[in-house]
Amino acid sequence: MNVVVLGGGIAGLSLSSFLDTPTIILESEERVGGLCRSYTFRDFTYDIGPHIIFSKNQKVLDLHNSLVPVAQLQRLNKILIEGSFLKYPFENHLGELPTALIDKCLQEFLNNPYENLSVSNMQQFFLSKFGEGMTDVYFGPYNKKIWKFDPSCLDLQMVDRIPSPPMEDVVSGSRGVYKDGYTHQLHFTYPKSGGFESIINAYEANCITKGDQILVNSKVVSLRKTDPLGRYARS
């Protein structure tokens, strides 16, 4: 029996490439990749979304580094806020903000009335972890931009990936003494050519070699259960 995978992003393609059984991948767009696609503009390759190769799981890291030629790199991210460029992570570099925002972010982090809040969504998590200042200035607007939803309408699936900064690092950063932070992703690899979509292309090639079918422009509009064993029919 064939397995049907909904979506030809990196999750669907990688899953299909590892399954022993024949797979049909249904992708609603005209090409696979989802948010991991890349495009070329004026001889430069850009990713639709920002992507790097790193993982705390060494086997996963080794796998992705073996799919295409990669370069070893060090993170250099900057965030534009009120005309100032802050190095990432934001909470470790408050000293690069205008003075009024430094005071707001630091004081509401150190004297946080939301610290013991029982959280049920992403916005509440940011308030409890960083206080109202940093939430209003950065974490709320940034995540609304990234996810296209207000963080108060997002659940907690992603928040366990957000480390808790030591208080002393936040305080020293507000005074201009900076530490890198998030060191597990400070160094990473990235494809030497083709952008992150080269990883997608490698998975797609694996699926084709394996004999899987990839059907683009195939939008699934509904699912219905057809028997007590839980198998589904698509339409």
C-alpha atoms as a PDB file:
ATOM      1  CA  MET A   1       0.000   0.000   0.000  1.00  0.00           C
ATOM      2  CA  ASN A   2       1.307   3.453  -0.918  1.00  0.00           C
ATOM      3  CA  VAL A   3       1.849   6.103   1.721  1.00  0.00           C
ATOM      4  CA  VAL A   4       0.529   9.568   0.862  1.00  0.00           C
ATOM      5  CA  VAL A   5       2.460  12.553   2.223  1.00  0.00           C
ATOM      6  CA  LEU A   6       0.728  15.925   2.268  1.00  0.00           C
ATOM      7  CA  GLY A   7       3.172  18.687   1.416  1.00  0.00           C
ATOM      8  CA  GLY A   8       6.478  18.702  -0.417  1.00  0.00           C
ATOM      9  CA  GLY A   9       8.446  20.830   2.022  1.00  0.00           C
ATOM     10  CA  ILE A  10      11.590  19.624   3.745  1.00  0.00           C
ATOM     11  CA  ALA A  11       9.572  17.607   6.288  1.00  0.00           C
ATOM     12  CA  GLY A  12       7.533  15.750   3.663  1.00  0.00           C
ATOM     13  CA  LEU A  13      10.451  15.128   1.317  1.00  0.00           C
ATOM     14  CA  SER A  14      12.816  13.934   4.037  1.00  0.00           C
ATOM     15  CA  LEU A  15      10.145  11.639   5.495  1.00  0.00           C
ATOM     16  CA  SER A  16       9.422  10.136   2.087  1.00  0.00           C
ATOM     17  CA  SER A  17      13.093   9.598   1.307  1.00  0.00           C
ATOM     18  CA  PHE A  18      13.539   7.510   4.461  1.00  0.00           C
ATOM     19  CA  LEU A  19      10.415   5.350   4.132  1.00  0.00           C
ATOM     20  CA  ASP A  20      10.867   1.865   2.689  1.00  0.00           C
ATOM     21  CA  THR A  21       7.389   1.831   1.183  1.00  0.00           C
ATOM     22  CA  PRO A  22       6.467   3.656  -2.067  1.00  0.00           C
ATOM     23  CA  THR A  23       5.303   7.190  -1.394  1.00  0.00           C
ATOM     24  CA  ILE A  24       3.076   9.704  -3.163  1.00  0.00           C
ATOM     25  CA  ILE A  25       3.861  13.316  -2.254  1.00  0.00           C
ATOM     26  CA  LEU A  26       1.095  15.830  -2.885  1.00  0.00           C
ATOM     27  CA  GLU A  27       2.295  19.426  -3.198  1.00  0.00           C
ATOM     28  CA  SER A  28      -0.207  22.249  -3.724  1.00  0.00           C
ATOM     29  CA  GLU A  29       2.358  24.618  -5.306  1.00  0.00           C
ATOM     30  CA  GLU A  30       3.911  24.295  -8.759  1.00  0.00           C
ATOM     31  CA  ARG A  31       7.236  23.210  -7.212  1.00  0.00           C
ATOM     32  CA  VAL A  32       8.309  21.509  -4.012  1.00  0.00           C
ATOM     33  CA  GLY A  33      10.215  23.186  -1.208  1.00  0.00           C
ATOM     34  CA  GLY A  34       7.711  25.367   0.622  1.00  0.00           C
ATOM     35  CA  LEU A  35       9.496  28.019   2.685  1.00  0.00           C
ATOM     36  CA  CYS A  36      12.838  26.311   1.952  1.00  0.00           C
ATOM     37  CA  ARG A  37      12.905  27.464  -1.662  1.00  0.00           C
ATOM     38  CA  SER A  38      15.543  29.847  -3.021  1.00  0.00           C
ATOM     39  CA  TYR A  39      15.677  32.283  -5.930  1.00  0.00           C
ATOM     40  CA  THR A  40      18.362  34.209  -7.825  1.00  0.00           C
ATOM     41  CA  PHE A  41      18.373  38.003  -8.180  1.00  0.00           C
ATOM     42  CA  ARG A  42      21.258  39.896  -9.790  1.00  0.00           C
ATOM     43  CA  ASP A  43      23.573  36.904  -9.530  1.00  0.00           C
ATOM     44  CA  PHE A  44      22.902  36.376  -5.821  1.00  0.00           C
ATOM     45  CA  THR A  45      20.898  33.485  -4.371  1.00  0.00           C
ATOM     46  CA  TYR A  46      18.349  34.336  -1.676  1.00  0.00           C
ATOM     47  CA  ASP A  47      16.245  32.045   0.503  1.00  0.00           C
ATOM     48  CA  ILE A  48      12.522  32.730   0.918  1.00  0.00           C
ATOM     49  CA  GLY A  49      12.994  32.241   4.643  1.00  0.00           C
ATOM     50  CA  PRO A  50      16.243  32.449   6.640  1.00  0.00           C
ATOM     51  CA  HIS A  51      17.745  28.953   6.936  1.00  0.00           C
ATOM     52  CA  ILE A  52      20.984  27.495   8.273  1.00  0.00           C
ATOM     53  CA  ILE A  53      22.150  23.952   8.941  1.00  0.00           C
ATOM     54  CA  PHE A  54      22.620  23.187  12.631  1.00  0.00           C
ATOM     55  CA  SER A  55      21.290  20.593  15.045  1.00  0.00           C
ATOM     56  CA  LYS A  56      21.971  19.327  18.542  1.00  0.00           C
ATOM     57  CA  ASN A  57      21.507  15.845  17.049  1.00  0.00           C
ATOM     58  CA  GLN A  58      24.867  14.913  15.521  1.00  0.00           C
ATOM     59  CA  LYS A  59      23.384  12.272  13.202  1.00  0.00           C
ATOM     60  CA  VAL A  60      20.931  14.785  11.722  1.00  0.00           C
ATOM     61  CA  LEU A  61      23.707  17.348  11.384  1.00  0.00           C
ATOM     62  CA  ASP A  62      26.016  14.860   9.664  1.00  0.00           C
ATOM     63  CA  LEU A  63      23.228  13.828   7.300  1.00  0.00           C
ATOM     64  CA  HIS A  64      22.440  17.347   6.117  1.00  0.00           C
ATOM     65  CA  ASN A  65      26.110  18.229   5.800  1.00  0.00           C
ATOM     66  CA  SER A  66      26.551  15.189   3.543  1.00  0.00           C
ATOM     67  CA  LEU A  67      23.703  16.012   1.128  1.00  0.00           C
ATOM     68  CA  VAL A  68      25.462  18.911  -0.630  1.00  0.00           C
ATOM     69  CA  PRO A  69      28.850  20.693  -0.359  1.00  0.00           C
ATOM     70  CA  VAL A  70      28.670  23.070   2.619  1.00  0.00           C
ATOM     71  CA  ALA A  71      30.711  25.916   4.114  1.00  0.00           C
ATOM     72  CA  GLN A  72      31.434  26.374   7.828  1.00  0.00           C
ATOM     73  CA  LEU A  73      30.254  29.815   8.980  1.00  0.00           C
ATOM     74  CA  GLN A  74      29.768  31.940  12.106  1.00  0.00           C
ATOM     75  CA  ARG A  75      26.508  33.735  12.827  1.00  0.00           C
ATOM     76  CA  LEU A  76      26.354  37.464  12.074  1.00  0.00           C
ATOM     77  CA  ASN A  77      22.745  38.626  12.524  1.00  0.00           C
ATOM     78  CA  LYS A  78      21.609  42.175  13.162  1.00  0.00           C
ATOM     79  CA  ILE A  79      18.174  43.524  14.040  1.00  0.00           C
ATOM     80  CA  LEU A  80      17.008  46.994  12.960  1.00  0.00           C
ATOM     81  CA  ILE A  81      15.051  48.708  15.742  1.00  0.00           C
ATOM     82  CA  GLU A  82      14.344  52.452  15.834  1.00  0.00           C
ATOM     83  CA  GLY A  83      17.251  53.177  13.490  1.00  0.00           C
ATOM     84  CA  SER A  84      19.739  51.111  15.506  1.00  0.00           C
ATOM     85  CA  PHE A  85      21.284  47.800  14.422  1.00  0.00           C
ATOM     86  CA  LEU A  86      21.501  45.304  17.283  1.00  0.00           C
ATOM     87  CA  LYS A  87      23.518  42.141  17.142  1.00  0.00           C
ATOM     88  CA  TYR A  88      21.512  38.946  17.707  1.00  0.00           C
ATOM     89  CA  PRO A  89      20.380  37.765  20.220  1.00  0.00           C
ATOM     90  CA  PHE A  90      18.476  40.925  21.092  1.00  0.00           C
ATOM     91  CA  GLU A  91      18.392  40.460  24.861  1.00  0.00           C
ATOM     92  CA  ASN A  92      22.202  40.193  25.055  1.00  0.00           C
ATOM     93  CA  HIS A  93      22.772  43.494  23.207  1.00  0.00           C
ATOM     94  CA  LEU A  94      20.368  45.980  24.782  1.00  0.00           C
ATOM     95  CA  GLY A  95      23.187  48.528  25.031  1.00  0.00           C
ATOM     96  CA  GLU A  96      22.917  49.128  21.285  1.00  0.00           C
ATOM     97  CA  LEU A  97      19.383  50.532  21.702  1.00  0.00           C
ATOM     98  CA  PRO A  98      18.495  54.196  22.279  1.00  0.00           C
ATOM     99  CA  THR A  99      18.827  55.040  25.988  1.00  0.00           C
ATOM    100  CA  ALA A 100      15.073  55.235  26.682  1.00  0.00           C
ATOM    101  CA  LEU A 101      14.517  51.754  25.267  1.00  0.00           C
ATOM    102  CA  ILE A 102      17.468  50.326  27.197  1.00  0.00           C
ATOM    103  CA  ASP A 103      15.902  51.506  30.458  1.00  0.00           C
ATOM    104  CA  LYS A 104      12.449  50.248  29.499  1.00  0.00           C
ATOM    105  CA  CYS A 105      13.644  46.787  28.462  1.00  0.00           C
ATOM    106  CA  LEU A 106      16.024  46.305  31.383  1.00  0.00           C
ATOM    107  CA  GLN A 107      13.768  47.564  34.180  1.00  0.00           C
ATOM    108  CA  GLU A 108      10.765  45.558  33.014  1.00  0.00           C
ATOM    109  CA  PHE A 109      12.992  42.478  32.738  1.00  0.00           C
ATOM    110  CA  LEU A 110      14.401  42.871  36.259  1.00  0.00           C
ATOM    111  CA  ASN A 111      11.032  43.825  37.820  1.00  0.00           C
ATOM    112  CA  ASN A 112       8.717  41.590  35.857  1.00  0.00           C
ATOM    113  CA  PRO A 113       5.117  41.285  37.162  1.00  0.00           C
ATOM    114  CA  TYR A 114       4.495  38.490  34.638  1.00  0.00           C
ATOM    115  CA  GLU A 115       7.330  36.291  35.910  1.00  0.00           C
ATOM    116  CA  ASN A 116       5.029  33.717  37.519  1.00  0.00           C
ATOM    117  CA  LEU A 117       2.291  33.939  34.915  1.00  0.00           C
ATOM    118  CA  SER A 118       0.756  30.597  33.912  1.00  0.00           C
ATOM    119  CA  VAL A 119       1.306  30.783  30.158  1.00  0.00           C
ATOM    120  CA  SER A 120      -0.896  29.312  27.426  1.00  0.00           C
ATOM    121  CA  ASN A 121       0.321  31.155  24.315  1.00  0.00           C
ATOM    122  CA  MET A 122       3.501  32.610  22.838  1.00  0.00           C
ATOM    123  CA  GLN A 123       2.788  36.217  23.845  1.00  0.00           C
ATOM    124  CA  GLN A 124       2.344  35.203  27.482  1.00  0.00           C
ATOM    125  CA  PHE A 125       5.563  33.213  27.301  1.00  0.00           C
ATOM    126  CA  PHE A 126       7.521  36.262  26.147  1.00  0.00           C
ATOM    127  CA  LEU A 127       5.970  38.409  28.866  1.00  0.00           C
ATOM    128  CA  SER A 128       6.829  35.872  31.564  1.00  0.00           C
ATOM    129  CA  LYS A 129      10.376  35.314  30.292  1.00  0.00           C
ATOM    130  CA  PHE A 130      11.489  38.786  29.182  1.00  0.00           C
ATOM    131  CA  GLY A 131       9.008  41.304  30.591  1.00  0.00           C
ATOM    132  CA  GLU A 132       6.799  43.808  28.822  1.00  0.00           C
ATOM    133  CA  GLY A 133       9.598  46.032  27.494  1.00  0.00           C
ATOM    134  CA  MET A 134      11.454  43.440  25.421  1.00  0.00           C
ATOM    135  CA  THR A 135       8.156  41.842  24.386  1.00  0.00           C
ATOM    136  CA  ASP A 136       6.769  45.140  23.056  1.00  0.00           C
ATOM    137  CA  VAL A 137      10.006  46.292  21.425  1.00  0.00           C
ATOM    138  CA  TYR A 138      11.162  43.068  19.808  1.00  0.00           C
ATOM    139  CA  PHE A 139       9.706  39.637  20.584  1.00  0.00           C
ATOM    140  CA  GLY A 140       6.071  40.498  19.855  1.00  0.00           C
ATOM    141  CA  PRO A 141       6.592  42.439  16.577  1.00  0.00           C
ATOM    142  CA  TYR A 142       9.265  40.039  15.306  1.00  0.00           C
ATOM    143  CA  ASN A 143       7.192  36.907  15.814  1.00  0.00           C
ATOM    144  CA  LYS A 144       4.064  38.535  14.388  1.00  0.00           C
ATOM    145  CA  LYS A 145       6.098  39.337  11.268  1.00  0.00           C
ATOM    146  CA  ILE A 146       7.580  35.829  11.015  1.00  0.00           C
ATOM    147  CA  TRP A 147       4.456  33.765  11.715  1.00  0.00           C
ATOM    148  CA  LYS A 148       1.888  36.170  10.224  1.00  0.00           C
ATOM    149  CA  PHE A 149      -0.230  35.804  13.377  1.00  0.00           C
ATOM    150  CA  ASP A 150      -0.441  37.770  16.593  1.00  0.00           C
ATOM    151  CA  PRO A 151       1.683  35.835  19.161  1.00  0.00           C
ATOM    152  CA  SER A 152      -1.305  35.761  21.524  1.00  0.00           C
ATOM    153  CA  CYS A 153      -2.968  33.446  18.976  1.00  0.00           C
ATOM    154  CA  LEU A 154       0.036  31.088  18.734  1.00  0.00           C
ATOM    155  CA  ASP A 155       0.574  28.071  20.957  1.00  0.00           C
ATOM    156  CA  LEU A 156       3.740  27.038  22.804  1.00  0.00           C
ATOM    157  CA  GLN A 157       5.191  24.551  20.296  1.00  0.00           C
ATOM    158  CA  MET A 158       8.228  26.706  19.490  1.00  0.00           C
ATOM    159  CA  VAL A 159       9.060  28.246  22.841  1.00  0.00           C
ATOM    160  CA  ASP A 160      11.106  25.336  24.186  1.00  0.00           C
ATOM    161  CA  ARG A 161      13.727  26.270  21.562  1.00  0.00           C
ATOM    162  CA  ILE A 162      14.193  29.718  23.131  1.00  0.00           C
ATOM    163  CA  PRO A 163      16.919  29.646  25.821  1.00  0.00           C
ATOM    164  CA  SER A 164      16.579  31.590  29.032  1.00  0.00           C
ATOM    165  CA  PRO A 165      19.305  34.263  29.100  1.00  0.00           C
ATOM    166  CA  PRO A 166      21.245  34.538  32.375  1.00  0.00           C
ATOM    167  CA  MET A 167      20.241  37.741  34.147  1.00  0.00           C
ATOM    168  CA  GLU A 168      23.869  38.858  34.353  1.00  0.00           C
ATOM    169  CA  ASP A 169      24.226  38.603  30.557  1.00  0.00           C
ATOM    170  CA  VAL A 170      21.187  40.838  30.013  1.00  0.00           C
ATOM    171  CA  VAL A 171      22.426  43.381  32.550  1.00  0.00           C
ATOM    172  CA  SER A 172      25.990  43.438  31.196  1.00  0.00           C
ATOM    173  CA  GLY A 173      24.628  43.694  27.633  1.00  0.00           C
ATOM    174  CA  SER A 174      22.616  46.754  28.633  1.00  0.00           C
ATOM    175  CA  ARG A 175      25.899  48.332  29.788  1.00  0.00           C
ATOM    176  CA  GLY A 176      27.727  47.568  26.556  1.00  0.00           C
ATOM    177  CA  VAL A 177      29.521  44.381  27.640  1.00  0.00           C
ATOM    178  CA  TYR A 178      28.244  41.795  25.186  1.00  0.00           C
ATOM    179  CA  LYS A 179      28.211  37.998  25.069  1.00  0.00           C
ATOM    180  CA  ASP A 180      27.273  35.933  22.029  1.00  0.00           C
ATOM    181  CA  GLY A 181      24.378  33.935  23.528  1.00  0.00           C
ATOM    182  CA  TYR A 182      22.590  31.009  21.876  1.00  0.00           C
ATOM    183  CA  THR A 183      25.999  29.443  21.352  1.00  0.00           C
ATOM    184  CA  HIS A 184      24.481  26.155  20.113  1.00  0.00           C
ATOM    185  CA  GLN A 185      23.759  27.951  16.814  1.00  0.00           C
ATOM    186  CA  LEU A 186      26.688  30.375  16.794  1.00  0.00           C
ATOM    187  CA  HIS A 187      28.523  28.206  14.263  1.00  0.00           C
ATOM    188  CA  PHE A 188      26.674  26.508  11.436  1.00  0.00           C
ATOM    189  CA  THR A 189      26.983  25.210   7.903  1.00  0.00           C
ATOM    190  CA  TYR A 190      25.302  26.414   4.724  1.00  0.00           C
ATOM    191  CA  PRO A 191      25.285  25.137   1.118  1.00  0.00           C
ATOM    192  CA  LYS A 192      28.169  26.495  -0.969  1.00  0.00           C
ATOM    193  CA  SER A 193      25.852  27.087  -3.921  1.00  0.00           C
ATOM    194  CA  GLY A 194      22.163  27.046  -4.780  1.00  0.00           C
ATOM    195  CA  GLY A 195      20.924  28.394  -1.462  1.00  0.00           C
ATOM    196  CA  PHE A 196      19.041  26.258   1.040  1.00  0.00           C
ATOM    197  CA  GLU A 197      16.904  24.868  -1.783  1.00  0.00           C
ATOM    198  CA  SER A 198      19.882  22.701  -2.727  1.00  0.00           C
ATOM    199  CA  ILE A 199      18.982  20.610   0.343  1.00  0.00           C
ATOM    200  CA  ILE A 200      15.431  20.310  -1.014  1.00  0.00           C
ATOM    201  CA  ASN A 201      16.799  19.304  -4.409  1.00  0.00           C
ATOM    202  CA  ALA A 202      18.899  16.569  -2.813  1.00  0.00           C
ATOM    203  CA  TYR A 203      15.900  15.134  -0.954  1.00  0.00           C
ATOM    204  CA  GLU A 204      13.767  15.374  -4.087  1.00  0.00           C
ATOM    205  CA  ALA A 205      16.405  13.461  -6.065  1.00  0.00           C
ATOM    206  CA  ASN A 206      16.515  10.777  -3.362  1.00  0.00           C
ATOM    207  CA  CYS A 207      12.738  10.385  -3.549  1.00  0.00           C
ATOM    208  CA  ILE A 208      12.772  10.104  -7.345  1.00  0.00           C
ATOM    209  CA  THR A 209      15.589   7.531  -7.238  1.00  0.00           C
ATOM    210  CA  LYS A 210      13.599   5.568  -4.669  1.00  0.00           C
ATOM    211  CA  GLY A 211      10.593   5.541  -7.024  1.00  0.00           C
ATOM    212  CA  ASP A 212       8.320   7.940  -5.167  1.00  0.00           C
ATOM    213  CA  GLN A 213       5.769  10.031  -7.048  1.00  0.00           C
ATOM    214  CA  ILE A 214       5.818  13.797  -6.549  1.00  0.00           C
ATOM    215  CA  LEU A 215       2.602  15.436  -7.727  1.00  0.00           C
ATOM    216  CA  VAL A 216       2.735  19.245  -7.832  1.00  0.00           C
ATOM    217  CA  ASN A 217      -0.317  21.499  -8.233  1.00  0.00           C
ATOM    218  CA  SER A 218      -2.183  18.885  -6.181  1.00  0.00           C
ATOM    219  CA  LYS A 219      -4.092  20.643  -3.439  1.00  0.00           C
ATOM    220  CA  VAL A 220      -5.875  18.458  -0.875  1.00  0.00           C
ATOM    221  CA  VAL A 221      -9.165  20.086   0.098  1.00  0.00           C
ATOM    222  CA  SER A 222     -10.600  17.468   2.453  1.00  0.00           C
ATOM    223  CA  LEU A 223      -9.986  14.130   4.166  1.00  0.00           C
ATOM    224  CA  ARG A 224     -12.552  11.568   5.229  1.00  0.00           C
ATOM    225  CA  LYS A 225     -12.196   8.376   7.207  1.00  0.00           C
ATOM    226  CA  THR A 226     -13.227   5.295   5.217  1.00  0.00           C
ATOM    227  CA  ASP A 227     -12.892   2.414   7.688  1.00  0.00           C
ATOM    228  CA  PRO A 228     -12.451   1.712  11.432  1.00  0.00           C
ATOM    229  CA  LEU A 229      -8.686   1.110  10.971  1.00  0.00           C
ATOM    230  CA  GLY A 230      -8.233   4.816  10.390  1.00  0.00           C
ATOM    231  CA  ARG A 231      -7.386   4.796   6.703  1.00  0.00           C
ATOM    232  CA  TYR A 232      -8.425   7.902   4.815  1.00  0.00           C
ATOM    233  CA  ALA A 233      -9.613   8.750   1.341  1.00  0.00           C
ATOM    234  CA  ARG A 234      -8.585  12.056  -0.221  1.00  0.00           C
ATOM    235  CA  SER A 235     -10.527  14.331  -2.517  1.00  0.00           C
END
